[in-house]
């Protein structure tokens, strides 16, 4: 009888352990499924953002710790060196915002250098101030004729720009009876960038929590 009781107790223990293992295994599988689902969503969104980068001039990426380390090592070695020089541990980075600005000025401007020409003819020294300025860029200096030498001496360069990045949502266009409309269209997040000067492109990299 004692043997029977011990056998029953042992069976109950085995059953309890089996149930506990099943519960732990189920929780682990559920958590792993949630993680994989989150990862797939994150990576899909990263790819989608990069596809829109050329048109929007803006992309938001979310990187894991490993991806962030690889990004700095293989794509932004210059930034990685800068962080090392300033004793910033890359593992403590939470966000990187990179903005690239391209500015071209093709307007033709003329400066009267007749005084310099007269000075050369008369073999005397002369200094004529020159200035090239727009709302974005100011360049100042002197054209100098001295000791039979003609040179351009740039003394000041200034560049000013304001960039506004505005995020908002809008509805996708869809066709109703052959008519394109946004009414009741699916919502999508987007951005618009306003530059005072030139064209800027912005990439925001967040570290995955």
N, C-alpha and C. Protein backbone atom coordinates (compact mmCIF):
# COMPACT_ATOMS: atom_id res chain seq x y z
N UNK A 1 0.83 -1.21 0.00
CA UNK A 1 0.00 0.00 0.00
C UNK A 1 0.87 1.27 0.00
N UNK A 2 1.91 1.22 0.84
CA UNK A 2 2.84 2.36 0.90
C UNK A 2 3.48 2.61 -0.46
N UNK A 3 3.83 1.50 -1.10
CA UNK A 3 4.43 1.60 -2.44
C UNK A 3 3.47 2.26 -3.41
N UNK A 4 2.20 1.91 -3.30
CA UNK A 4 1.18 2.49 -4.18
C UNK A 4 1.05 3.98 -3.95
N UNK A 5 1.04 4.36 -2.64
CA UNK A 5 0.93 5.80 -2.31
C UNK A 5 2.12 6.57 -2.85
N UNK A 6 3.33 6.01 -2.64
CA UNK A 6 4.54 6.68 -3.13
C UNK A 6 4.50 6.81 -4.65
N UNK A 7 3.99 5.80 -5.29
CA UNK A 7 3.89 5.82 -6.75
C UNK A 7 2.95 6.92 -7.22
N UNK A 8 1.83 7.05 -6.48
CA UNK A 8 0.85 8.10 -6.83
C UNK A 8 1.47 9.48 -6.64
N UNK A 9 2.19 9.65 -5.49
CA UNK A 9 2.83 10.94 -5.22
C UNK A 9 3.87 11.26 -6.30
N UNK A 10 4.65 10.27 -6.66
CA UNK A 10 5.68 10.46 -7.69
C UNK A 10 5.05 10.85 -9.02
N UNK A 11 3.95 10.19 -9.37
CA UNK A 11 3.25 10.50 -10.62
C UNK A 11 2.72 11.93 -10.61
N UNK A 12 2.21 12.36 -9.42
CA UNK A 12 1.70 13.72 -9.31
C UNK A 12 2.82 14.74 -9.49
N UNK A 13 3.97 14.42 -8.89
CA UNK A 13 5.13 15.31 -9.03
C UNK A 13 5.57 15.43 -10.49
N UNK A 14 5.63 14.27 -11.13
CA UNK A 14 6.04 14.26 -12.55
C UNK A 14 5.05 15.06 -13.38
N UNK A 15 3.76 14.88 -13.06
CA UNK A 15 2.73 15.61 -13.79
C UNK A 15 2.85 17.10 -13.56
N UNK A 16 3.11 17.48 -12.29
CA UNK A 16 3.27 18.90 -11.95
C UNK A 16 4.46 19.51 -12.68
N UNK A 17 5.59 18.79 -12.65
CA UNK A 17 6.79 19.26 -13.34
C UNK A 17 6.54 19.40 -14.83
N UNK A 18 5.83 18.40 -15.38
CA UNK A 18 5.52 18.43 -16.82
C UNK A 18 4.66 19.64 -17.16
N UNK A 19 3.66 19.90 -16.30
CA UNK A 19 2.79 21.07 -16.54
C UNK A 19 3.59 22.36 -16.45
N UNK A 20 4.47 22.45 -15.43
CA UNK A 20 5.29 23.66 -15.27
C UNK A 20 6.19 23.87 -16.48
N UNK A 21 6.82 22.78 -16.96
CA UNK A 21 7.68 22.88 -18.13
C UNK A 21 6.87 23.30 -19.36
N UNK A 22 5.67 22.75 -19.48
CA UNK A 22 4.82 23.10 -20.62
C UNK A 22 4.44 24.58 -20.59
N UNK A 23 4.12 25.08 -19.36
CA UNK A 23 3.76 26.49 -19.21
C UNK A 23 4.95 27.38 -19.55
N UNK A 24 6.13 27.05 -18.98
CA UNK A 24 7.34 27.83 -19.26
C UNK A 24 7.66 27.81 -20.75
N UNK A 25 7.56 26.63 -21.35
CA UNK A 25 7.83 26.52 -22.78
C UNK A 25 6.85 27.33 -23.60
N UNK A 26 5.57 27.31 -23.20
CA UNK A 26 4.55 28.08 -23.92
C UNK A 26 4.80 29.57 -23.82
N UNK A 27 5.16 30.03 -22.60
CA UNK A 27 5.46 31.46 -22.41
C UNK A 27 6.66 31.87 -23.25
N UNK A 28 7.70 31.02 -23.24
CA UNK A 28 8.91 31.33 -24.03
C UNK A 28 8.59 31.42 -25.52
N UNK A 29 7.79 30.46 -26.01
CA UNK A 29 7.42 30.46 -27.42
C UNK A 29 6.60 31.68 -27.78
N UNK A 30 5.71 32.09 -26.87
CA UNK A 30 4.88 33.28 -27.11
C UNK A 30 5.73 34.54 -27.14
N UNK A 31 6.65 34.66 -26.17
CA UNK A 31 7.54 35.82 -26.12
C UNK A 31 8.42 35.87 -27.36
N UNK A 32 8.94 34.71 -27.78
CA UNK A 32 9.78 34.65 -28.96
C UNK A 32 8.98 35.03 -30.21
N UNK A 33 7.74 34.59 -30.27
CA UNK A 33 6.87 34.95 -31.41
C UNK A 33 6.62 36.44 -31.44
N UNK A 34 6.38 37.04 -30.25
CA UNK A 34 6.18 38.49 -30.18
C UNK A 34 7.42 39.24 -30.63
N UNK A 35 8.60 38.75 -30.20
CA UNK A 35 9.86 39.40 -30.57
C UNK A 35 10.08 39.35 -32.07
N UNK A 36 9.87 38.17 -32.66
CA UNK A 36 10.06 38.02 -34.10
C UNK A 36 9.08 38.88 -34.88
N UNK A 37 7.87 38.97 -34.39
CA UNK A 37 6.87 39.81 -35.04
C UNK A 37 7.29 41.28 -35.00
N UNK A 38 7.80 41.71 -33.82
CA UNK A 38 8.28 43.08 -33.66
C UNK A 38 9.48 43.36 -34.56
N UNK A 39 10.40 42.37 -34.65
CA UNK A 39 11.58 42.53 -35.49
C UNK A 39 11.21 42.64 -36.97
N UNK A 40 10.29 41.81 -37.41
CA UNK A 40 9.85 41.86 -38.81
C UNK A 40 9.21 43.21 -39.13
N UNK A 41 8.42 43.71 -38.20
CA UNK A 41 7.78 45.01 -38.39
C UNK A 41 8.83 46.12 -38.46
N UNK A 42 9.82 46.06 -37.55
CA UNK A 42 10.88 47.08 -37.52
C UNK A 42 11.69 47.09 -38.81
N UNK A 43 12.10 45.90 -39.26
CA UNK A 43 12.91 45.82 -40.47
C UNK A 43 12.12 46.22 -41.71
N UNK A 44 10.85 45.86 -41.76
CA UNK A 44 9.99 46.26 -42.88
C UNK A 44 9.85 47.77 -42.93
N UNK A 45 9.69 48.39 -41.76
CA UNK A 45 9.56 49.84 -41.70
C UNK A 45 10.86 50.53 -42.10
N UNK A 46 12.00 49.97 -41.70
CA UNK A 46 13.29 50.52 -42.11
C UNK A 46 13.44 50.53 -43.62
N UNK A 47 13.09 49.41 -44.26
CA UNK A 47 13.19 49.31 -45.72
C UNK A 47 12.23 50.30 -46.38
N UNK A 48 11.03 50.41 -45.84
CA UNK A 48 10.04 51.34 -46.39
C UNK A 48 10.52 52.78 -46.30
N UNK A 49 11.14 53.13 -45.18
CA UNK A 49 11.67 54.49 -44.99
C UNK A 49 12.77 54.80 -46.00
N UNK A 50 13.64 53.84 -46.25
CA UNK A 50 14.73 54.05 -47.21
C UNK A 50 14.19 54.23 -48.63
N UNK A 51 13.11 53.52 -48.96
CA UNK A 51 12.51 53.67 -50.29
C UNK A 51 11.95 55.07 -50.49
N UNK A 52 11.47 55.67 -49.41
CA UNK A 52 10.87 57.00 -49.50
C UNK A 52 11.91 58.11 -49.38
N UNK A 53 13.15 57.75 -49.06
CA UNK A 53 14.18 58.74 -48.74
C UNK A 53 14.44 59.71 -49.88
N UNK A 54 14.50 59.20 -51.13
CA UNK A 54 14.80 60.06 -52.27
C UNK A 54 13.74 61.13 -52.49
N UNK A 55 12.49 60.78 -52.27
CA UNK A 55 11.41 61.74 -52.51
C UNK A 55 11.14 62.64 -51.30
N UNK A 56 11.16 62.06 -50.11
CA UNK A 56 10.88 62.84 -48.90
C UNK A 56 12.11 63.56 -48.37
N UNK A 57 13.30 63.06 -48.71
CA UNK A 57 14.56 63.58 -48.19
C UNK A 57 14.66 63.39 -46.68
N UNK A 58 13.98 62.37 -46.18
CA UNK A 58 13.95 62.10 -44.74
C UNK A 58 13.74 60.61 -44.53
N UNK A 59 14.47 60.05 -43.58
CA UNK A 59 14.29 58.63 -43.24
C UNK A 59 14.53 58.44 -41.76
N UNK A 60 13.71 57.61 -41.16
CA UNK A 60 13.85 57.27 -39.74
C UNK A 60 14.11 55.77 -39.63
N UNK A 61 15.27 55.42 -39.07
CA UNK A 61 15.66 54.03 -38.94
C UNK A 61 15.74 53.64 -37.46
N UNK A 62 15.38 52.40 -37.16
CA UNK A 62 15.53 51.87 -35.81
C UNK A 62 16.48 50.69 -35.86
N UNK A 63 17.63 50.82 -35.18
CA UNK A 63 18.67 49.80 -35.23
C UNK A 63 18.80 49.10 -33.88
N UNK A 64 19.15 47.83 -33.95
CA UNK A 64 19.52 47.11 -32.73
C UNK A 64 20.93 47.56 -32.33
N UNK A 65 21.38 47.14 -31.15
CA UNK A 65 22.73 47.51 -30.71
C UNK A 65 23.78 47.03 -31.72
N UNK A 66 23.62 45.79 -32.19
CA UNK A 66 24.57 45.23 -33.14
C UNK A 66 24.54 45.97 -34.46
N UNK A 67 23.35 46.30 -34.94
CA UNK A 67 23.22 47.03 -36.21
C UNK A 67 23.83 48.42 -36.10
N UNK A 68 23.66 49.05 -34.94
CA UNK A 68 24.23 50.37 -34.74
C UNK A 68 25.75 50.32 -34.75
N UNK A 69 26.32 49.30 -34.13
CA UNK A 69 27.77 49.13 -34.12
C UNK A 69 28.29 48.90 -35.55
N UNK A 70 27.58 48.11 -36.33
CA UNK A 70 27.98 47.84 -37.71
C UNK A 70 27.84 49.08 -38.58
N UNK A 71 26.81 49.87 -38.34
CA UNK A 71 26.61 51.12 -39.08
C UNK A 71 27.79 52.07 -38.87
N UNK A 72 28.21 52.22 -37.61
CA UNK A 72 29.32 53.11 -37.31
C UNK A 72 30.64 52.56 -37.87
N UNK A 73 30.82 51.25 -37.81
CA UNK A 73 32.08 50.64 -38.24
C UNK A 73 32.24 50.66 -39.76
N UNK A 74 31.17 50.39 -40.48
CA UNK A 74 31.28 50.20 -41.93
C UNK A 74 30.76 51.37 -42.78
N UNK A 75 29.86 52.17 -42.22
CA UNK A 75 29.29 53.26 -43.00
C UNK A 75 29.68 54.64 -42.50
N UNK A 76 29.96 54.77 -41.20
CA UNK A 76 30.31 56.07 -40.64
C UNK A 76 31.55 55.99 -39.78
N UNK A 77 32.64 55.54 -40.39
CA UNK A 77 33.91 55.44 -39.66
C UNK A 77 34.34 56.82 -39.17
N UNK A 78 34.02 57.87 -39.93
CA UNK A 78 34.37 59.23 -39.52
C UNK A 78 33.67 59.62 -38.23
N UNK A 79 32.40 59.26 -38.12
CA UNK A 79 31.64 59.55 -36.91
C UNK A 79 32.14 58.71 -35.74
N UNK A 80 32.49 57.47 -36.01
CA UNK A 80 33.01 56.59 -34.97
C UNK A 80 34.32 57.15 -34.42
N UNK A 81 35.20 57.65 -35.30
CA UNK A 81 36.46 58.25 -34.86
C UNK A 81 36.20 59.50 -34.01
N UNK A 82 35.21 60.29 -34.45
CA UNK A 82 34.85 61.50 -33.70
C UNK A 82 34.37 61.17 -32.30
N UNK A 83 33.56 60.12 -32.18
CA UNK A 83 33.06 59.70 -30.87
C UNK A 83 34.20 59.22 -29.97
N UNK A 84 35.15 58.49 -30.56
CA UNK A 84 36.29 58.01 -29.79
C UNK A 84 37.14 59.17 -29.30
N UNK A 85 37.37 60.15 -30.18
CA UNK A 85 38.18 61.32 -29.80
C UNK A 85 37.55 62.08 -28.65
N UNK A 86 36.20 62.09 -28.61
CA UNK A 86 35.50 62.82 -27.55
C UNK A 86 35.04 61.91 -26.40
N UNK A 87 35.60 60.67 -26.41
CA UNK A 87 35.36 59.71 -25.33
C UNK A 87 33.87 59.44 -25.10
N UNK A 88 33.16 59.27 -26.20
CA UNK A 88 31.74 58.91 -26.15
C UNK A 88 31.61 57.42 -26.47
N UNK A 89 31.14 56.66 -25.51
CA UNK A 89 30.96 55.22 -25.71
C UNK A 89 29.78 54.99 -26.65
N UNK A 90 30.05 54.36 -27.80
CA UNK A 90 29.00 54.16 -28.80
C UNK A 90 27.86 53.29 -28.27
N UNK A 91 28.13 52.47 -27.25
CA UNK A 91 27.08 51.63 -26.69
C UNK A 91 26.06 52.43 -25.89
N UNK A 92 26.40 53.67 -25.57
CA UNK A 92 25.48 54.52 -24.82
C UNK A 92 24.66 55.44 -25.72
N UNK A 93 24.86 55.34 -27.01
CA UNK A 93 24.13 56.19 -27.95
C UNK A 93 22.65 55.79 -27.97
N UNK A 94 21.78 56.78 -27.93
CA UNK A 94 20.34 56.54 -28.00
C UNK A 94 19.77 56.98 -29.36
N UNK A 95 20.35 58.00 -29.97
CA UNK A 95 19.82 58.53 -31.22
C UNK A 95 20.93 59.22 -32.01
N UNK A 96 20.91 59.06 -33.33
CA UNK A 96 21.83 59.78 -34.22
C UNK A 96 21.00 60.51 -35.26
N UNK A 97 21.20 61.81 -35.39
CA UNK A 97 20.51 62.59 -36.41
C UNK A 97 21.57 63.13 -37.37
N UNK A 98 21.51 62.70 -38.61
CA UNK A 98 22.48 63.13 -39.63
C UNK A 98 21.78 63.97 -40.67
N UNK A 99 22.30 65.16 -40.90
CA UNK A 99 21.71 66.05 -41.90
C UNK A 99 22.77 66.45 -42.92
N UNK A 100 22.46 66.24 -44.18
CA UNK A 100 23.37 66.59 -45.26
C UNK A 100 22.76 67.73 -46.06
N UNK A 101 23.53 68.80 -46.25
CA UNK A 101 23.03 69.98 -46.96
C UNK A 101 23.82 70.20 -48.24
N UNK A 102 23.11 70.37 -49.34
CA UNK A 102 23.72 70.68 -50.63
C UNK A 102 23.24 72.06 -51.06
N UNK A 103 24.19 72.95 -51.34
CA UNK A 103 23.85 74.33 -51.71
C UNK A 103 24.63 74.73 -52.96
N UNK A 104 23.89 75.17 -53.96
CA UNK A 104 24.52 75.62 -55.21
C UNK A 104 24.02 77.03 -55.53
N UNK A 105 24.94 77.88 -55.92
CA UNK A 105 24.59 79.24 -56.31
C UNK A 105 25.15 79.50 -57.71
N UNK A 106 24.28 79.62 -58.69
CA UNK A 106 24.73 79.79 -60.08
C UNK A 106 24.48 81.20 -60.61
N UNK A 107 24.08 82.13 -59.73
CA UNK A 107 23.84 83.50 -60.18
C UNK A 107 25.16 84.19 -60.53
N UNK A 108 25.14 84.93 -61.61
CA UNK A 108 26.34 85.65 -62.07
C UNK A 108 26.41 87.03 -61.41
N UNK A 109 27.57 87.36 -60.86
CA UNK A 109 27.76 88.66 -60.23
C UNK A 109 29.07 89.26 -60.72
N UNK A 110 29.08 90.57 -60.81
CA UNK A 110 30.27 91.26 -61.32
C UNK A 110 30.77 92.28 -60.32
N UNK A 111 32.09 92.43 -60.28
CA UNK A 111 32.73 93.39 -59.38
C UNK A 111 33.64 94.28 -60.23
N UNK A 112 33.51 95.57 -60.09
CA UNK A 112 34.31 96.51 -60.86
C UNK A 112 35.73 96.58 -60.28
N UNK A 113 36.70 96.15 -61.06
CA UNK A 113 38.10 96.16 -60.63
C UNK A 113 38.93 97.20 -61.38
N UNK A 114 38.24 98.22 -61.89
CA UNK A 114 38.95 99.28 -62.61
C UNK A 114 40.03 99.94 -61.76
N UNK A 115 39.77 100.20 -60.47
CA UNK A 115 40.84 100.82 -59.64
C UNK A 115 42.11 99.97 -59.61
N UNK A 116 41.97 98.68 -59.60
CA UNK A 116 43.14 97.81 -59.61
C UNK A 116 43.87 97.92 -60.94
N UNK A 117 43.10 97.96 -62.02
CA UNK A 117 43.70 98.09 -63.35
C UNK A 117 44.47 99.41 -63.47
N UNK A 118 43.89 100.48 -62.94
CA UNK A 118 44.55 101.78 -62.97
C UNK A 118 45.83 101.76 -62.13
N UNK A 119 45.75 101.07 -60.99
CA UNK A 119 46.92 100.98 -60.12
C UNK A 119 48.04 100.22 -60.80
N UNK A 120 47.69 99.15 -61.54
CA UNK A 120 48.70 98.36 -62.25
C UNK A 120 49.36 99.22 -63.33
N UNK A 121 48.54 99.98 -64.06
CA UNK A 121 49.07 100.84 -65.13
C UNK A 121 50.03 101.89 -64.58
N UNK A 122 49.67 102.40 -63.40
CA UNK A 122 50.49 103.46 -62.81
C UNK A 122 51.53 102.93 -61.83
N UNK A 123 51.62 101.59 -61.74
CA UNK A 123 52.61 100.95 -60.88
C UNK A 123 52.57 101.46 -59.45
N UNK A 124 51.36 101.46 -58.89
CA UNK A 124 51.19 101.85 -57.49
C UNK A 124 50.33 100.80 -56.78
N UNK A 125 50.53 100.65 -55.48
CA UNK A 125 49.78 99.66 -54.71
C UNK A 125 48.31 100.08 -54.58
N UNK A 126 47.43 99.07 -54.48
CA UNK A 126 46.00 99.36 -54.31
C UNK A 126 45.29 98.18 -53.66
N UNK A 127 44.24 98.51 -52.91
CA UNK A 127 43.39 97.49 -52.30
C UNK A 127 41.93 97.84 -52.58
N UNK A 128 41.21 96.89 -53.17
CA UNK A 128 39.80 97.11 -53.49
C UNK A 128 38.95 96.05 -52.77
N UNK A 129 38.00 96.48 -51.95
CA UNK A 129 37.16 95.49 -51.25
C UNK A 129 36.20 94.80 -52.22
N UNK A 130 36.00 93.52 -52.03
CA UNK A 130 35.03 92.77 -52.84
C UNK A 130 34.08 92.05 -51.90
N UNK A 131 32.82 91.96 -52.34
CA UNK A 131 31.82 91.29 -51.52
C UNK A 131 30.81 90.59 -52.42
N UNK A 132 30.55 89.35 -52.12
CA UNK A 132 29.54 88.56 -52.83
C UNK A 132 28.56 88.04 -51.79
N UNK A 133 27.31 88.48 -51.85
CA UNK A 133 26.38 88.10 -50.79
C UNK A 133 25.00 87.74 -51.35
N UNK A 134 24.38 86.76 -50.69
CA UNK A 134 23.00 86.39 -50.93
C UNK A 134 22.33 86.24 -49.56
N UNK A 135 21.08 85.82 -49.54
CA UNK A 135 20.41 85.60 -48.26
C UNK A 135 21.05 84.45 -47.50
N UNK A 136 21.78 83.59 -48.21
CA UNK A 136 22.35 82.40 -47.59
C UNK A 136 23.85 82.51 -47.36
N UNK A 137 24.54 83.19 -48.25
CA UNK A 137 26.01 83.15 -48.25
C UNK A 137 26.60 84.54 -48.39
N UNK A 138 27.60 84.81 -47.57
CA UNK A 138 28.34 86.07 -47.66
C UNK A 138 29.83 85.76 -47.76
N UNK A 139 30.47 86.30 -48.80
CA UNK A 139 31.92 86.17 -48.96
C UNK A 139 32.49 87.58 -49.11
N UNK A 140 33.47 87.89 -48.27
CA UNK A 140 34.09 89.23 -48.30
C UNK A 140 35.61 89.09 -48.38
N UNK A 141 36.23 90.08 -48.99
CA UNK A 141 37.68 90.06 -49.08
C UNK A 141 38.21 91.29 -49.80
N UNK A 142 39.46 91.15 -50.27
CA UNK A 142 40.13 92.26 -50.94
C UNK A 142 40.85 91.75 -52.18
N UNK A 143 40.84 92.58 -53.23
CA UNK A 143 41.75 92.37 -54.36
C UNK A 143 42.91 93.33 -54.13
N UNK A 144 44.10 92.76 -54.06
CA UNK A 144 45.26 93.55 -53.65
C UNK A 144 46.34 93.52 -54.74
N UNK A 145 46.79 94.72 -55.10
CA UNK A 145 47.97 94.83 -55.96
C UNK A 145 49.06 95.48 -55.13
N UNK A 146 50.13 94.70 -54.91
CA UNK A 146 51.18 95.17 -54.02
C UNK A 146 52.50 94.52 -54.40
N UNK A 147 53.54 95.34 -54.50
CA UNK A 147 54.87 94.85 -54.87
C UNK A 147 54.83 94.04 -56.17
N UNK A 148 54.12 94.58 -57.14
CA UNK A 148 53.99 93.94 -58.46
C UNK A 148 53.32 92.56 -58.40
N UNK A 149 52.53 92.34 -57.34
CA UNK A 149 51.84 91.06 -57.17
C UNK A 149 50.34 91.32 -57.02
N UNK A 150 49.55 90.56 -57.76
CA UNK A 150 48.09 90.68 -57.70
C UNK A 150 47.51 89.45 -57.01
N UNK A 151 46.69 89.67 -55.98
CA UNK A 151 46.12 88.54 -55.26
C UNK A 151 44.71 88.85 -54.76
N UNK A 152 43.97 87.76 -54.50
CA UNK A 152 42.64 87.87 -53.90
C UNK A 152 42.72 87.36 -52.48
N UNK A 153 42.39 88.21 -51.52
CA UNK A 153 42.48 87.87 -50.10
C UNK A 153 41.07 87.76 -49.52
N UNK A 154 40.59 86.54 -49.30
CA UNK A 154 39.26 86.33 -48.71
C UNK A 154 39.38 86.40 -47.20
N UNK A 155 38.61 87.30 -46.58
CA UNK A 155 38.72 87.52 -45.14
C UNK A 155 37.50 87.04 -44.34
N UNK A 156 36.39 86.78 -45.02
CA UNK A 156 35.19 86.39 -44.28
C UNK A 156 34.29 85.51 -45.14
N UNK A 157 33.81 84.43 -44.56
CA UNK A 157 32.82 83.56 -45.21
C UNK A 157 31.72 83.25 -44.20
N UNK A 158 30.47 83.45 -44.60
CA UNK A 158 29.35 83.15 -43.72
C UNK A 158 28.28 82.38 -44.50
N UNK A 159 27.75 81.35 -43.86
CA UNK A 159 26.65 80.60 -44.47
C UNK A 159 25.56 80.42 -43.43
N UNK A 160 24.34 80.73 -43.80
CA UNK A 160 23.23 80.64 -42.86
C UNK A 160 22.09 79.84 -43.49
N UNK A 161 21.55 78.93 -42.71
CA UNK A 161 20.44 78.13 -43.21
C UNK A 161 19.54 77.73 -42.06
N UNK A 162 18.26 77.65 -42.33
CA UNK A 162 17.29 77.15 -41.37
C UNK A 162 16.54 76.00 -42.03
N UNK A 163 16.52 74.85 -41.36
CA UNK A 163 15.80 73.69 -41.87
C UNK A 163 14.68 73.33 -40.90
N UNK A 164 13.47 73.21 -41.43
CA UNK A 164 12.32 72.78 -40.64
C UNK A 164 11.85 71.43 -41.15
N UNK A 165 11.78 70.46 -40.25
CA UNK A 165 11.26 69.13 -40.59
C UNK A 165 9.93 68.97 -39.88
N UNK A 166 8.85 68.83 -40.64
CA UNK A 166 7.51 68.73 -40.07
C UNK A 166 6.93 67.35 -40.40
N UNK A 167 6.59 66.60 -39.37
CA UNK A 167 5.96 65.30 -39.59
C UNK A 167 4.45 65.46 -39.48
N UNK A 168 3.72 64.76 -40.32
CA UNK A 168 2.27 64.85 -40.31
C UNK A 168 1.69 63.59 -40.93
N UNK A 169 0.38 63.48 -40.96
CA UNK A 169 -0.24 62.32 -41.60
C UNK A 169 -1.20 62.80 -42.68
N UNK A 170 -1.37 61.98 -43.66
CA UNK A 170 -2.31 62.26 -44.74
C UNK A 170 -2.94 60.94 -45.18
N UNK A 171 -3.94 61.04 -46.03
CA UNK A 171 -4.62 59.83 -46.51
C UNK A 171 -4.12 59.47 -47.91
N UNK A 172 -3.95 58.19 -48.15
CA UNK A 172 -3.54 57.72 -49.47
C UNK A 172 -4.64 57.98 -50.49
N UNK A 173 -4.22 58.23 -51.72
CA UNK A 173 -5.20 58.36 -52.80
C UNK A 173 -5.71 56.99 -53.21
N UNK A 174 -6.97 56.92 -53.57
CA UNK A 174 -7.54 55.69 -54.10
C UNK A 174 -8.56 56.06 -55.17
N UNK A 175 -8.92 55.11 -55.98
CA UNK A 175 -9.80 55.38 -57.11
C UNK A 175 -11.23 54.99 -56.79
N UNK A 176 -12.15 55.93 -57.01
CA UNK A 176 -13.58 55.68 -56.84
C UNK A 176 -14.30 56.10 -58.12
N UNK A 177 -14.81 55.11 -58.84
CA UNK A 177 -15.47 55.34 -60.12
C UNK A 177 -14.55 56.08 -61.09
N UNK A 178 -13.26 55.72 -61.03
CA UNK A 178 -12.28 56.32 -61.93
C UNK A 178 -11.77 57.67 -61.49
N UNK A 179 -12.24 58.13 -60.33
CA UNK A 179 -11.82 59.44 -59.81
C UNK A 179 -10.86 59.23 -58.64
N UNK A 180 -9.70 59.88 -58.69
CA UNK A 180 -8.72 59.79 -57.62
C UNK A 180 -9.16 60.67 -56.45
N UNK A 181 -9.20 60.11 -55.27
CA UNK A 181 -9.61 60.86 -54.10
C UNK A 181 -8.84 60.39 -52.87
N UNK A 182 -8.72 61.26 -51.87
CA UNK A 182 -8.11 60.90 -50.59
C UNK A 182 -9.17 60.65 -49.52
N UNK A 183 -10.43 60.93 -49.84
CA UNK A 183 -11.51 60.76 -48.89
C UNK A 183 -11.60 59.30 -48.44
N UNK A 184 -11.56 59.08 -47.13
CA UNK A 184 -11.61 57.75 -46.53
C UNK A 184 -10.41 56.88 -46.89
N UNK A 185 -9.38 57.49 -47.49
CA UNK A 185 -8.18 56.73 -47.80
C UNK A 185 -7.44 56.33 -46.54
N UNK A 186 -6.58 55.36 -46.67
CA UNK A 186 -5.83 54.87 -45.52
C UNK A 186 -4.83 55.93 -45.04
N UNK A 187 -4.75 56.12 -43.72
CA UNK A 187 -3.82 57.10 -43.17
C UNK A 187 -2.38 56.63 -43.31
N UNK A 188 -1.47 57.56 -43.58
CA UNK A 188 -0.05 57.24 -43.61
C UNK A 188 0.74 58.40 -43.03
N UNK A 189 1.80 58.08 -42.32
CA UNK A 189 2.67 59.10 -41.74
C UNK A 189 3.68 59.55 -42.79
N UNK A 190 3.95 60.85 -42.84
CA UNK A 190 4.92 61.38 -43.79
C UNK A 190 5.56 62.64 -43.21
N UNK A 191 6.49 63.22 -43.92
CA UNK A 191 7.16 64.43 -43.47
C UNK A 191 7.31 65.39 -44.64
N UNK A 192 7.56 66.64 -44.31
CA UNK A 192 7.90 67.64 -45.32
C UNK A 192 9.04 68.47 -44.75
N UNK A 193 10.01 68.83 -45.61
CA UNK A 193 11.20 69.57 -45.17
C UNK A 193 11.25 70.92 -45.86
N UNK A 194 11.43 71.97 -45.09
CA UNK A 194 11.57 73.33 -45.62
C UNK A 194 12.99 73.80 -45.35
N UNK A 195 13.71 74.17 -46.41
CA UNK A 195 15.07 74.70 -46.28
C UNK A 195 15.09 76.15 -46.74
N UNK A 196 15.75 76.99 -45.97
CA UNK A 196 15.94 78.37 -46.40
C UNK A 196 16.95 78.41 -47.54
N UNK A 197 17.97 77.60 -47.45
CA UNK A 197 19.03 77.57 -48.46
C UNK A 197 19.35 76.13 -48.84
N UNK A 198 19.47 75.88 -50.12
CA UNK A 198 19.89 74.57 -50.57
C UNK A 198 18.85 73.49 -50.32
N UNK A 199 19.31 72.24 -50.40
CA UNK A 199 18.46 71.07 -50.19
C UNK A 199 19.12 70.18 -49.14
N UNK A 200 18.40 69.90 -48.07
CA UNK A 200 18.96 69.05 -47.01
C UNK A 200 18.28 67.69 -47.03
N UNK A 201 19.03 66.69 -46.56
CA UNK A 201 18.50 65.33 -46.40
C UNK A 201 18.79 64.90 -44.97
N UNK A 202 17.80 64.32 -44.33
CA UNK A 202 17.91 63.99 -42.91
C UNK A 202 17.67 62.51 -42.67
N UNK A 203 18.56 61.89 -41.90
CA UNK A 203 18.37 60.52 -41.45
C UNK A 203 18.41 60.50 -39.93
N UNK A 204 17.38 59.94 -39.33
CA UNK A 204 17.31 59.80 -37.88
C UNK A 204 17.46 58.31 -37.55
N UNK A 205 18.42 57.98 -36.72
CA UNK A 205 18.63 56.59 -36.31
C UNK A 205 18.36 56.47 -34.82
N UNK A 206 17.34 55.68 -34.48
CA UNK A 206 17.02 55.39 -33.09
C UNK A 206 17.55 54.01 -32.72
N UNK A 207 18.01 53.86 -31.48
CA UNK A 207 18.42 52.55 -31.01
C UNK A 207 17.21 51.82 -30.45
N UNK A 208 17.04 50.59 -30.85
CA UNK A 208 15.89 49.81 -30.39
C UNK A 208 15.94 49.64 -28.88
N UNK A 209 14.82 49.86 -28.25
CA UNK A 209 14.74 49.73 -26.79
C UNK A 209 14.75 48.25 -26.39
